[in-house]
């Protein structure tokens, strides 16, 4: 049975994950009545109550918070802990709300189970996963909502539970593949991120055979020399074209591609550089009914929105930092709030999806305005510069949400290591939009020949301003660039491509040894596990490029 209590005050963690708490006009945070770290997935029900999952080796639970954030109700998940702490920290925790049956579905790695919480009766039912130590992780409903699909990040399988018969069926995804999150597209095809195999699995459920990897599974990777560590995934239709969005949890980008491209052509949305870690580590990805994309930056300490209307990406800094450690998020049932959990601070929080950002960015090149459906690429040659005109407009009716007197212009992205071979000059570097709410700025892009490698890239033209408590709000516009410079045949570089150009790729590395080491270590905090793994992968990338 659940137990109720009012919001309890908590001391901020003393470790370096959390050293400050600020106020944001766009994000609101709530402290939870939980002392030990372990927050993961989150969901909302039809009454806008918020549900979230918490697990340690001592136990796991689901907690409901009232929409006002004043009352919490705890639902203890029964069963003994039957896996190592490392598995509990790494896996489990996603929640799904089924509106038709008023049920919360969840993954519980601690008991190696898929769980069902009946909200009306408060009854929890667990369905044991046939594979021991499976590391059950992601969840998705089939299009008809008669089947719950899940991933086993350690068991290297995907599985399905027939809701009526309660039968579980498993399908292998390949050794050391690490299936993590999953989603269905409009044709009923299932897409699964394989975090350890640097690829995505395309699954046609109607062709699957239990217990074997069948002809209904197809592995898709980025072409050489590029590769990624896919984590979150979602499919949506943008202006009538179905696209797939995948977070690269080993770098600082989200990859966008037409769903029928098999990742042969794609665009990378690079985030701002992380202040706390070498990479921003984009995590779970979700979408609203309008096709807007949202994801949290595990290492960048931000929640991010990509607009389906204009393709502009907006970053909102999380008020608790420098590393609140957010991996999971969900769109509320009424779509007014984007909820996420903060592992390091034991908080849950939401981004207010009803608030309009008071700044707009419009980019023009050669007298033509670029749009989301036609992000015209530019070609940069050695010794030449290319002017990009950026128009910034402040909505003075809602300008009180920010401090527009010092709006800065910059360029970020291009590679894991930032700009390589391209420099820029902003004229001016910053502008005051308070007195003149519309300003034009020219950013000159120029090739630095000694560092430049011929290839296709995405630069992010960035405008940043502050909230009153010094939190950064940034708008980033994706600019596709082709570098046309003399290059030695022996020089290799991580080249990322986009829809107008062919792509190039790198061999994926085997992470099985690292994974086994993590399991042996035992109880390690989830952030340490993921960050350590991803730093290892990033170092591996750079070693490969240097050897090449």
Protein backbone atom coordinates (compact mmCIF):
# COMPACT_ATOMS: atom_id res chain seq x y z
CA UNK A 1 0.00 0.00 0.00
CA UNK A 2 1.20 3.54 -0.65
CA UNK A 3 2.17 5.97 2.07
CA UNK A 4 1.66 9.74 1.85
CA UNK A 5 3.70 12.62 3.18
CA UNK A 6 4.23 16.31 2.55
CA UNK A 7 7.22 17.82 0.79
CA UNK A 8 10.28 17.45 2.98
CA UNK A 9 13.22 19.85 3.06
CA UNK A 10 16.58 18.39 2.13
CA UNK A 11 20.19 19.41 2.39
CA UNK A 12 22.00 19.75 -0.93
CA UNK A 13 24.50 16.98 -1.62
CA UNK A 14 27.98 17.91 -0.45
CA UNK A 15 29.86 16.30 -3.34
CA UNK A 16 30.98 18.30 -6.36
CA UNK A 17 28.00 17.22 -8.45
CA UNK A 18 25.92 19.94 -6.81
CA UNK A 19 27.49 23.14 -5.50
CA UNK A 20 24.78 25.69 -6.29
CA UNK A 21 21.02 26.11 -6.63
CA UNK A 22 19.68 28.99 -8.71
CA UNK A 23 16.30 30.27 -9.87
CA UNK A 24 15.04 29.91 -13.44
CA UNK A 25 12.01 31.47 -15.11
CA UNK A 26 11.71 28.48 -17.44
CA UNK A 27 12.49 25.51 -15.14
CA UNK A 28 10.96 24.67 -11.77
CA UNK A 29 12.49 22.09 -9.44
CA UNK A 30 11.06 20.04 -6.55
CA UNK A 31 13.07 18.31 -3.84
CA UNK A 32 11.95 14.76 -3.20
CA UNK A 33 11.63 13.12 0.25
CA UNK A 34 14.42 10.69 -0.60
CA UNK A 35 17.90 10.79 0.89
CA UNK A 36 19.79 8.24 -1.20
CA UNK A 37 20.53 8.91 -4.86
CA UNK A 38 18.76 6.72 -7.38
CA UNK A 39 16.18 8.75 -9.37
CA UNK A 40 15.59 7.62 -12.94
CA UNK A 41 12.48 7.55 -15.15
CA UNK A 42 9.48 9.88 -14.99
CA UNK A 43 5.94 9.99 -16.43
CA UNK A 44 2.64 11.79 -15.85
CA UNK A 45 -0.92 10.50 -15.71
CA UNK A 46 -4.15 11.94 -17.12
CA UNK A 47 -4.60 14.12 -14.01
CA UNK A 48 -1.07 15.57 -14.44
CA UNK A 49 0.27 13.82 -11.35
CA UNK A 50 3.97 13.06 -11.73
CA UNK A 51 5.36 9.54 -11.29
CA UNK A 52 9.04 8.74 -10.94
CA UNK A 53 11.24 5.73 -10.23
CA UNK A 54 14.00 5.31 -7.64
CA UNK A 55 16.30 2.33 -7.07
CA UNK A 56 19.32 1.29 -5.04
CA UNK A 57 20.60 -2.12 -3.96
CA UNK A 58 18.47 -1.74 -0.82
CA UNK A 59 15.19 -1.48 -2.70
CA UNK A 60 13.23 0.20 -5.46
CA UNK A 61 10.07 2.27 -5.48
CA UNK A 62 7.75 4.38 -7.55
CA UNK A 63 6.66 7.72 -6.15
CA UNK A 64 3.77 9.95 -7.15
CA UNK A 65 3.94 13.70 -6.73
CA UNK A 66 0.81 15.82 -6.92
CA UNK A 67 0.75 18.30 -9.79
CA UNK A 68 1.18 21.12 -7.26
CA UNK A 69 4.36 19.49 -5.97
CA UNK A 70 3.18 19.44 -2.36
CA UNK A 71 2.37 15.78 -1.69
CA UNK A 72 4.23 12.56 -2.35
CA UNK A 73 2.90 8.99 -2.31
CA UNK A 74 5.32 6.06 -2.20
CA UNK A 75 4.74 2.64 -3.79
CA UNK A 76 7.35 0.12 -2.70
CA UNK A 77 8.30 -2.44 -5.34
CA UNK A 78 8.27 -5.93 -3.77
CA UNK A 79 10.87 -8.64 -4.28
CA UNK A 80 14.44 -9.35 -3.29
CA UNK A 81 17.46 -7.76 -4.92
CA UNK A 82 18.87 -10.44 -7.23
CA UNK A 83 21.47 -8.51 -9.26
CA UNK A 84 24.70 -6.62 -8.56
CA UNK A 85 24.59 -2.94 -7.66
CA UNK A 86 26.34 -2.06 -10.91
CA UNK A 87 23.38 -3.45 -12.87
CA UNK A 88 20.90 -1.49 -10.73
CA UNK A 89 22.86 1.71 -11.30
CA UNK A 90 23.21 1.14 -15.03
CA UNK A 91 19.81 -0.21 -16.07
CA UNK A 92 16.10 0.01 -15.33
CA UNK A 93 13.86 2.88 -14.46
CA UNK A 94 11.81 3.90 -17.48
CA UNK A 95 8.09 4.55 -16.90
CA UNK A 96 5.14 4.48 -19.30
CA UNK A 97 1.58 5.54 -18.53
CA UNK A 98 -1.29 3.66 -20.19
CA UNK A 99 -4.26 6.02 -20.22
CA UNK A 100 -6.77 3.35 -21.29
CA UNK A 101 -6.12 1.06 -18.32
CA UNK A 102 -4.83 3.70 -15.85
CA UNK A 103 -1.63 1.72 -15.35
CA UNK A 104 2.03 2.66 -14.92
CA UNK A 105 4.47 0.26 -16.59
CA UNK A 106 8.10 0.28 -15.45
CA UNK A 107 11.41 -1.55 -15.76
CA UNK A 108 12.98 -2.74 -12.51
CA UNK A 109 16.53 -4.04 -12.96
CA UNK A 110 16.83 -4.75 -9.22
CA UNK A 111 14.32 -7.62 -9.38
CA UNK A 112 15.02 -8.35 -13.07
CA UNK A 113 11.38 -7.62 -13.83
CA UNK A 114 8.95 -5.71 -15.98
CA UNK A 115 6.48 -4.09 -13.60
CA UNK A 116 2.87 -2.94 -13.68
CA UNK A 117 1.33 -0.55 -11.14
CA UNK A 118 -2.46 -0.34 -11.16
CA UNK A 119 -3.15 3.22 -10.03
CA UNK A 120 -6.70 2.57 -8.82
CA UNK A 121 -5.88 -0.46 -6.65
CA UNK A 122 -2.24 0.49 -5.87
CA UNK A 123 -1.32 -3.11 -6.73
CA UNK A 124 2.11 -3.83 -8.21
CA UNK A 125 2.58 -6.90 -10.40
CA UNK A 126 6.03 -8.05 -11.52
CA UNK A 127 6.78 -10.13 -14.62
CA UNK A 128 10.13 -11.90 -14.30
CA UNK A 129 12.50 -11.64 -17.26
CA UNK A 130 13.60 -15.13 -18.41
CA UNK A 131 17.22 -13.99 -18.87
CA UNK A 132 19.12 -13.60 -15.60
CA UNK A 133 20.82 -10.25 -14.99
CA UNK A 134 19.12 -8.88 -18.09
CA UNK A 135 19.48 -5.22 -17.18
CA UNK A 136 15.97 -4.43 -18.39
CA UNK A 137 16.00 -0.81 -19.52
CA UNK A 138 13.77 0.88 -22.12
CA UNK A 139 10.01 0.57 -22.72
CA UNK A 140 7.64 1.18 -25.62
CA UNK A 141 4.03 0.30 -26.39
CA UNK A 142 3.20 -1.44 -29.65
CA UNK A 143 1.07 0.78 -31.94
CA UNK A 144 -2.11 -1.04 -30.83
CA UNK A 145 -1.00 -0.90 -27.16
CA UNK A 146 -1.59 -4.64 -26.74
CA UNK A 147 2.11 -5.40 -26.24
CA UNK A 148 4.82 -3.81 -24.11
CA UNK A 149 8.28 -3.98 -25.66
CA UNK A 150 11.48 -3.65 -23.63
CA UNK A 151 15.26 -3.78 -23.96
CA UNK A 152 17.86 -5.77 -22.01
CA UNK A 153 21.04 -3.71 -22.02
CA UNK A 154 23.06 -6.50 -20.37
CA UNK A 155 21.17 -9.50 -21.69
CA UNK A 156 21.65 -8.22 -25.26
CA UNK A 157 18.02 -8.87 -26.13
CA UNK A 158 14.77 -7.12 -26.80
CA UNK A 159 11.56 -8.59 -25.46
CA UNK A 160 7.81 -8.26 -25.55
CA UNK A 161 5.04 -8.86 -23.04
CA UNK A 162 1.59 -9.68 -24.38
CA UNK A 163 -0.57 -7.72 -21.95
CA UNK A 164 -3.55 -10.09 -22.18
CA UNK A 165 -1.74 -13.45 -21.98
CA UNK A 166 1.15 -12.11 -19.84
CA UNK A 167 3.58 -14.06 -22.00
CA UNK A 168 7.14 -12.74 -22.41
CA UNK A 169 9.09 -13.45 -25.60
CA UNK A 170 12.77 -12.55 -26.07
CA UNK A 171 14.83 -11.93 -29.21
CA UNK A 172 18.67 -11.73 -29.21
CA UNK A 173 20.21 -8.57 -30.63
CA UNK A 174 23.81 -9.79 -30.84
CA UNK A 175 26.69 -10.14 -28.39
CA UNK A 176 27.85 -6.94 -26.69
CA UNK A 177 25.15 -4.90 -28.45
CA UNK A 178 23.63 -3.18 -25.40
CA UNK A 179 20.05 -2.39 -26.51
CA UNK A 180 19.00 0.70 -24.58
CA UNK A 181 15.94 2.69 -25.75
CA UNK A 182 13.33 1.92 -28.40
CA UNK A 183 10.47 3.48 -30.33
CA UNK A 184 7.96 2.64 -33.07
CA UNK A 185 7.56 4.57 -36.32
CA UNK A 186 4.32 5.22 -38.22
CA UNK A 187 4.63 1.94 -40.17
CA UNK A 188 4.94 -0.21 -37.05
CA UNK A 189 8.69 -0.73 -37.41
CA UNK A 190 10.57 -0.87 -34.10
CA UNK A 191 13.82 1.09 -33.75
CA UNK A 192 16.29 0.21 -30.99
CA UNK A 193 19.53 1.93 -29.98
CA UNK A 194 22.46 -0.47 -29.54
CA UNK A 195 24.72 1.62 -27.33
CA UNK A 196 27.62 -0.83 -27.18
CA UNK A 197 27.53 -1.81 -30.87
CA UNK A 198 27.57 1.80 -32.15
CA UNK A 199 24.47 1.15 -34.21
CA UNK A 200 20.68 1.15 -34.43
CA UNK A 201 18.53 -1.93 -34.83
CA UNK A 202 15.61 -1.77 -37.25
CA UNK A 203 13.05 -4.43 -36.31
CA UNK A 204 10.03 -5.66 -38.25
CA UNK A 205 8.09 -7.40 -35.45
CA UNK A 206 5.93 -9.46 -37.80
CA UNK A 207 9.07 -11.27 -39.08
CA UNK A 208 10.58 -12.19 -35.70
CA UNK A 209 11.10 -15.70 -34.37
CA UNK A 210 11.45 -16.26 -30.58
CA UNK A 211 14.93 -16.96 -29.27
CA UNK A 212 16.86 -16.28 -32.47
CA UNK A 213 18.07 -13.27 -34.40
CA UNK A 214 15.92 -13.47 -37.51
CA UNK A 215 15.55 -11.78 -40.87
CA UNK A 216 13.30 -9.22 -39.22
CA UNK A 217 16.29 -7.40 -37.69
CA UNK A 218 18.62 -5.04 -39.55
CA UNK A 219 21.61 -3.24 -38.03
CA UNK A 220 22.31 0.30 -39.23
CA UNK A 221 25.49 2.23 -38.46
CA UNK A 222 27.04 5.52 -39.47
CA UNK A 223 29.39 5.20 -42.41
CA UNK A 224 33.17 5.45 -41.97
CA UNK A 225 34.94 7.23 -40.39
CA UNK A 226 32.06 8.47 -38.23
CA UNK A 227 30.46 6.40 -35.49
CA UNK A 228 28.40 7.05 -32.39
CA UNK A 229 27.05 5.69 -29.11
CA UNK A 230 23.28 5.86 -29.66
CA UNK A 231 21.15 6.22 -26.53
CA UNK A 232 17.77 7.96 -26.80
CA UNK A 233 15.63 7.63 -29.91
CA UNK A 234 12.33 8.95 -31.27
CA UNK A 235 10.62 9.19 -34.66
CA UNK A 236 8.34 12.03 -35.77
CA UNK A 237 6.97 13.60 -38.93
CA UNK A 238 8.42 17.01 -39.79
CA UNK A 239 6.43 18.80 -42.49
CA UNK A 240 5.16 15.46 -43.79
CA UNK A 241 8.55 13.72 -43.77
CA UNK A 242 9.20 11.07 -41.11
CA UNK A 243 12.52 11.59 -39.36
CA UNK A 244 14.50 9.79 -36.70
CA UNK A 245 16.26 11.62 -33.86
CA UNK A 246 19.03 9.77 -31.99
CA UNK A 247 21.15 11.08 -29.14
CA UNK A 248 24.87 10.28 -29.26
CA UNK A 249 25.65 9.65 -25.60
CA UNK A 250 29.36 9.40 -26.38
CA UNK A 251 29.67 12.95 -27.66
CA UNK A 252 27.76 16.23 -27.74
CA UNK A 253 25.20 15.81 -30.49
CA UNK A 254 21.81 14.55 -31.59
CA UNK A 255 21.66 12.98 -35.05
CA UNK A 256 18.70 13.68 -37.35
CA UNK A 257 17.94 11.71 -40.52
CA UNK A 258 15.09 10.80 -42.80
CA UNK A 259 13.81 7.47 -41.55
CA UNK A 260 14.28 5.75 -44.90
CA UNK A 261 17.90 6.93 -45.31
CA UNK A 262 19.45 4.13 -43.21
CA UNK A 263 21.70 6.86 -41.76
CA UNK A 264 23.49 7.29 -45.09
CA UNK A 265 22.67 10.99 -44.89
CA UNK A 266 22.07 12.90 -41.68
CA UNK A 267 22.51 16.16 -39.79
CA UNK A 268 24.23 16.54 -36.43
CA UNK A 269 22.79 19.00 -33.93
CA UNK A 270 25.80 19.85 -31.76
CA UNK A 271 25.17 21.17 -28.27
CA UNK A 272 27.13 23.86 -26.50
CA UNK A 273 30.40 22.67 -24.92
CA UNK A 274 29.93 21.22 -21.46
CA UNK A 275 31.36 23.14 -18.52
CA UNK A 276 31.46 20.13 -16.18
CA UNK A 277 32.58 17.26 -18.45
CA UNK A 278 34.43 16.88 -21.76
CA UNK A 279 31.15 16.02 -23.51
CA UNK A 280 27.55 17.14 -22.98
CA UNK A 281 26.28 13.50 -23.26
CA UNK A 282 22.73 13.89 -24.66
CA UNK A 283 20.48 11.25 -23.11
CA UNK A 284 16.83 10.23 -23.50
CA UNK A 285 14.92 11.86 -26.37
CA UNK A 286 11.15 12.55 -26.45
CA UNK A 287 8.74 14.51 -28.65
CA UNK A 288 5.43 16.31 -28.27
CA UNK A 289 2.44 16.11 -30.61
CA UNK A 290 3.66 19.12 -32.57
CA UNK A 291 6.88 17.32 -33.45
CA UNK A 292 9.13 19.33 -31.16
CA UNK A 293 12.07 17.33 -29.80
CA UNK A 294 13.32 17.44 -26.20
CA UNK A 295 16.37 15.87 -24.60
CA UNK A 296 18.48 16.30 -21.48
CA UNK A 297 22.23 16.75 -21.48
CA UNK A 298 23.64 14.39 -18.87
CA UNK A 299 27.02 16.13 -18.92
CA UNK A 300 25.99 19.57 -20.16
CA UNK A 301 23.45 20.14 -17.36
CA UNK A 302 20.80 21.45 -19.74
CA UNK A 303 17.42 20.51 -21.12
CA UNK A 304 17.12 21.14 -24.83
CA UNK A 305 14.35 21.72 -27.37
CA UNK A 306 14.55 21.41 -31.16
CA UNK A 307 11.68 23.27 -32.83
CA UNK A 308 9.84 21.40 -35.58
CA UNK A 309 8.77 24.75 -37.03
CA UNK A 310 12.16 26.31 -37.73
CA UNK A 311 14.80 23.75 -36.71
CA UNK A 312 16.30 26.04 -34.08
CA UNK A 313 17.66 24.35 -30.96
CA UNK A 314 17.18 26.06 -27.58
CA UNK A 315 19.21 25.15 -24.49
CA UNK A 316 17.94 25.87 -20.97
CA UNK A 317 20.48 25.58 -18.18
CA UNK A 318 19.29 23.46 -15.24
CA UNK A 319 19.22 25.63 -12.07
CA UNK A 320 20.95 23.01 -9.89
CA UNK A 321 24.55 22.36 -10.85
CA UNK A 322 27.14 22.08 -12.05
CA UNK A 323 26.04 18.47 -12.66
CA UNK A 324 22.48 17.59 -11.63
CA UNK A 325 22.93 14.42 -13.73
CA UNK A 326 19.69 14.20 -15.72
CA UNK A 327 19.15 11.24 -18.04
CA UNK A 328 15.36 10.67 -18.17
CA UNK A 329 12.52 12.96 -19.22
CA UNK A 330 8.88 12.83 -20.34
CA UNK A 331 6.28 15.12 -21.89
CA UNK A 332 3.26 15.65 -19.64
CA UNK A 333 -0.10 14.38 -20.84
CA UNK A 334 -1.29 17.95 -21.48
CA UNK A 335 2.10 18.76 -23.08
CA UNK A 336 2.49 21.90 -20.97
CA UNK A 337 5.50 20.59 -19.06
CA UNK A 338 8.59 18.57 -19.91
CA UNK A 339 9.47 16.65 -16.75
CA UNK A 340 12.93 15.30 -15.92
CA UNK A 341 14.74 13.79 -12.94
CA UNK A 342 18.02 14.89 -11.37
CA UNK A 343 20.00 11.94 -10.03
CA UNK A 344 22.69 13.93 -8.20
CA UNK A 345 20.33 16.35 -6.44
CA UNK A 346 17.36 14.02 -5.76
CA UNK A 347 15.05 16.49 -7.49
CA UNK A 348 12.43 16.29 -10.16
CA UNK A 349 11.86 19.30 -12.37
CA UNK A 350 9.99 20.54 -15.39
CA UNK A 351 10.59 22.87 -18.31
CA UNK A 352 7.56 25.10 -18.85
CA UNK A 353 6.56 24.32 -22.44
CA UNK A 354 4.00 27.15 -22.48
CA UNK A 355 6.59 29.91 -22.09
CA UNK A 356 7.90 31.51 -25.23
CA UNK A 357 11.59 32.34 -25.41
CA UNK A 358 11.81 36.13 -25.94
CA UNK A 359 14.67 35.87 -28.45
CA UNK A 360 14.50 34.89 -32.12
CA UNK A 361 17.39 34.17 -34.47
CA UNK A 362 17.14 34.38 -38.27
CA UNK A 363 20.05 33.48 -40.55
CA UNK A 364 20.56 34.73 -44.11
CA UNK A 365 23.24 33.88 -46.65
CA UNK A 366 23.64 35.57 -50.02
CA UNK A 367 20.46 37.57 -49.43
CA UNK A 368 18.36 34.41 -48.93
CA UNK A 369 16.76 33.30 -45.70
CA UNK A 370 17.42 29.75 -44.52
CA UNK A 371 14.64 27.59 -43.13
CA UNK A 372 14.38 24.23 -41.42
CA UNK A 373 13.30 22.53 -44.65
CA UNK A 374 16.14 24.11 -46.64
CA UNK A 375 19.21 24.65 -44.48
CA UNK A 376 21.34 25.63 -47.47
CA UNK A 377 24.93 24.41 -47.15
CA UNK A 378 27.83 26.76 -47.78
CA UNK A 379 31.27 25.94 -49.16
CA UNK A 380 34.40 27.26 -47.46
CA UNK A 381 37.69 27.31 -49.38
CA UNK A 382 41.22 27.97 -48.20
CA UNK A 383 42.03 31.66 -47.97
CA UNK A 384 38.40 32.72 -48.32
CA UNK A 385 35.88 33.92 -45.76
CA UNK A 386 32.11 33.63 -45.92
CA UNK A 387 29.82 36.19 -44.26
CA UNK A 388 26.70 34.89 -42.54
CA UNK A 389 24.12 37.48 -41.54
CA UNK A 390 22.32 36.87 -38.26
CA UNK A 391 19.22 38.86 -37.32
CA UNK A 392 18.38 38.89 -33.61
CA UNK A 393 14.96 40.03 -32.44
CA UNK A 394 13.82 40.54 -28.85
CA UNK A 395 10.15 40.32 -27.93
CA UNK A 396 9.92 43.21 -25.47
CA UNK A 397 6.54 42.02 -24.20
CA UNK A 398 8.23 39.07 -22.47
CA UNK A 399 11.78 40.41 -22.22
CA UNK A 400 11.58 40.41 -18.41
CA UNK A 401 12.33 36.67 -18.51
CA UNK A 402 15.94 37.38 -19.52
CA UNK A 403 18.73 39.97 -19.42
CA UNK A 404 19.00 41.07 -23.06
CA UNK A 405 21.59 43.81 -22.54
CA UNK A 406 24.51 41.48 -23.33
CA UNK A 407 23.53 38.94 -25.99
CA UNK A 408 26.60 37.10 -27.24
CA UNK A 409 27.23 35.53 -30.66
CA UNK A 410 29.48 32.52 -31.20
CA UNK A 411 29.97 29.38 -33.29
CA UNK A 412 30.17 25.88 -31.77
CA UNK A 413 29.92 22.28 -32.92
CA UNK A 414 31.53 20.70 -36.00
CA UNK A 415 33.27 17.79 -34.18
CA UNK A 416 33.61 16.14 -30.76
CA UNK A 417 36.56 18.46 -30.13
CA UNK A 418 34.82 21.59 -31.35
CA UNK A 419 35.78 23.72 -34.32
CA UNK A 420 38.62 22.14 -36.32
CA UNK A 421 40.03 24.08 -39.21
CA UNK A 422 37.40 26.81 -39.12
CA UNK A 423 37.61 30.15 -37.37
CA UNK A 424 35.07 32.93 -37.05
CA UNK A 425 34.76 36.60 -36.27
CA UNK A 426 31.54 38.12 -34.98
CA UNK A 427 30.90 41.78 -35.76
CA UNK A 428 30.05 42.74 -33.07
CA UNK A 429 30.75 39.99 -30.53
CA UNK A 430 27.77 40.97 -28.36
CA UNK A 431 24.78 43.30 -28.66
CA UNK A 432 22.39 45.14 -26.36
CA UNK A 433 18.83 44.27 -27.36
CA UNK A 434 17.18 46.20 -24.54
CA UNK A 435 17.40 49.58 -26.26
CA UNK A 436 17.33 48.31 -29.86
CA UNK A 437 15.30 45.07 -29.89
CA UNK A 438 16.32 44.12 -33.44
CA UNK A 439 19.98 43.91 -34.42
CA UNK A 440 21.87 42.49 -37.38
CA UNK A 441 25.20 40.80 -36.79
CA UNK A 442 27.68 39.44 -39.33
CA UNK A 443 29.65 36.29 -38.55
CA UNK A 444 32.60 35.75 -40.89
CA UNK A 445 33.57 32.09 -41.27
CA UNK A 446 37.11 31.36 -42.46
CA UNK A 447 39.18 28.24 -43.12
CA UNK A 448 42.35 27.81 -41.07
CA UNK A 449 44.25 25.81 -43.67
CA UNK A 450 46.76 24.12 -41.37
CA UNK A 451 43.97 22.45 -39.38
CA UNK A 452 41.25 22.01 -41.96
CA UNK A 453 40.28 18.61 -43.38
CA UNK A 454 38.11 18.39 -46.47
CA UNK A 455 34.65 17.13 -45.60
CA UNK A 456 31.10 17.95 -44.64
CA UNK A 457 30.21 19.36 -41.22
CA UNK A 458 27.56 21.13 -39.20
CA UNK A 459 28.36 24.35 -37.37
CA UNK A 460 25.95 25.78 -34.81
CA UNK A 461 25.48 29.55 -34.92
CA UNK A 462 24.77 30.45 -31.32
CA UNK A 463 23.13 33.41 -29.58
CA UNK A 464 23.28 33.40 -25.77
CA UNK A 465 21.87 35.59 -23.03
CA UNK A 466 21.35 35.27 -19.30
CA UNK A 467 18.48 34.94 -16.90
CA UNK A 468 18.55 37.12 -13.79
CA UNK A 469 20.27 34.41 -11.74
CA UNK A 470 23.04 34.10 -14.35
CA UNK A 471 21.65 30.95 -15.95
CA UNK A 472 22.47 30.72 -19.66
CA UNK A 473 19.76 30.55 -22.34
CA UNK A 474 21.04 29.77 -25.85
CA UNK A 475 19.56 29.52 -29.34
CA UNK A 476 21.54 27.46 -31.85
CA UNK A 477 21.02 27.42 -35.60
CA UNK A 478 22.48 24.48 -37.61
CA UNK A 479 24.64 25.67 -40.49
CA UNK A 480 25.78 23.01 -42.96
CA UNK A 481 29.32 23.54 -44.23
CA UNK A 482 31.50 21.86 -46.84
CA UNK A 483 35.24 22.40 -46.45
CA UNK A 484 37.00 22.39 -49.80
CA UNK A 485 40.71 22.50 -48.98
CA UNK A 486 43.85 20.64 -50.13
CA UNK A 487 44.13 17.49 -48.01
CA UNK A 488 46.80 14.80 -47.89
CA UNK A 489 45.49 11.37 -48.80
CA UNK A 490 46.82 9.93 -45.52
CA UNK A 491 44.94 12.40 -43.35
CA UNK A 492 41.83 10.98 -41.70
CA UNK A 493 39.39 12.82 -39.52
CA UNK A 494 35.99 12.20 -38.02
CA UNK A 495 33.79 13.67 -40.73
CA UNK A 496 30.08 14.10 -40.12
CA UNK A 497 27.71 14.41 -43.00
CA UNK A 498 24.31 15.81 -43.81
CA UNK A 499 21.48 15.18 -46.21
CA UNK A 500 22.94 16.88 -49.27
CA UNK A 501 26.24 15.00 -49.17
CA UNK A 502 27.48 11.38 -48.94
CA UNK A 503 28.74 10.26 -45.56
CA UNK A 504 31.98 8.68 -44.34
CA UNK A 505 32.61 6.29 -41.29
CA UNK A 506 34.94 4.49 -38.64
CA UNK A 507 35.07 0.99 -37.24
CA UNK A 508 33.13 0.45 -34.06
CA UNK A 509 35.12 -0.71 -31.05
CA UNK A 510 34.28 -3.59 -28.76
CA UNK A 511 33.16 -2.52 -25.29
CA UNK A 512 32.64 -5.93 -23.79
CA UNK A 513 35.82 -5.83 -21.70
CA UNK A 514 34.84 -2.49 -20.21
CA UNK A 515 31.35 -3.71 -19.48
CA UNK A 516 32.61 -6.82 -17.67
CA UNK A 517 34.95 -4.65 -15.62
CA UNK A 518 32.02 -2.47 -14.57
CA UNK A 519 30.04 -5.48 -13.40
CA UNK A 520 32.96 -6.70 -11.28
CA UNK A 521 33.42 -3.36 -9.59
CA UNK A 522 30.09 -3.63 -7.82
CA UNK A 523 28.28 -0.66 -6.36
CA UNK A 524 29.29 2.33 -8.45
CA UNK A 525 27.12 5.38 -8.86
CA UNK A 526 25.32 5.59 -12.19
CA UNK A 527 26.97 8.81 -13.19
CA UNK A 528 30.44 7.39 -12.58
CA UNK A 529 29.63 4.31 -14.65
CA UNK A 530 28.25 6.19 -17.61
CA UNK A 531 30.77 9.02 -17.58
CA UNK A 532 33.71 6.63 -17.22
CA UNK A 533 32.46 4.48 -20.05
CA UNK A 534 31.88 7.41 -22.35
CA UNK A 535 35.24 9.01 -21.63
CA UNK A 536 36.81 5.65 -22.47
CA UNK A 537 34.94 5.57 -25.77
CA UNK A 538 35.92 9.13 -26.62
CA UNK A 539 39.61 8.40 -25.93
CA UNK A 540 39.30 5.33 -28.13
CA UNK A 541 37.95 7.44 -30.95
CA UNK A 542 40.85 9.87 -30.79
CA UNK A 543 43.44 7.08 -30.63
CA UNK A 544 41.97 5.56 -33.78
CA UNK A 545 42.11 8.86 -35.62
CA UNK A 546 45.73 9.45 -34.57
CA UNK A 547 46.73 5.94 -35.67
CA UNK A 548 45.05 6.53 -39.00
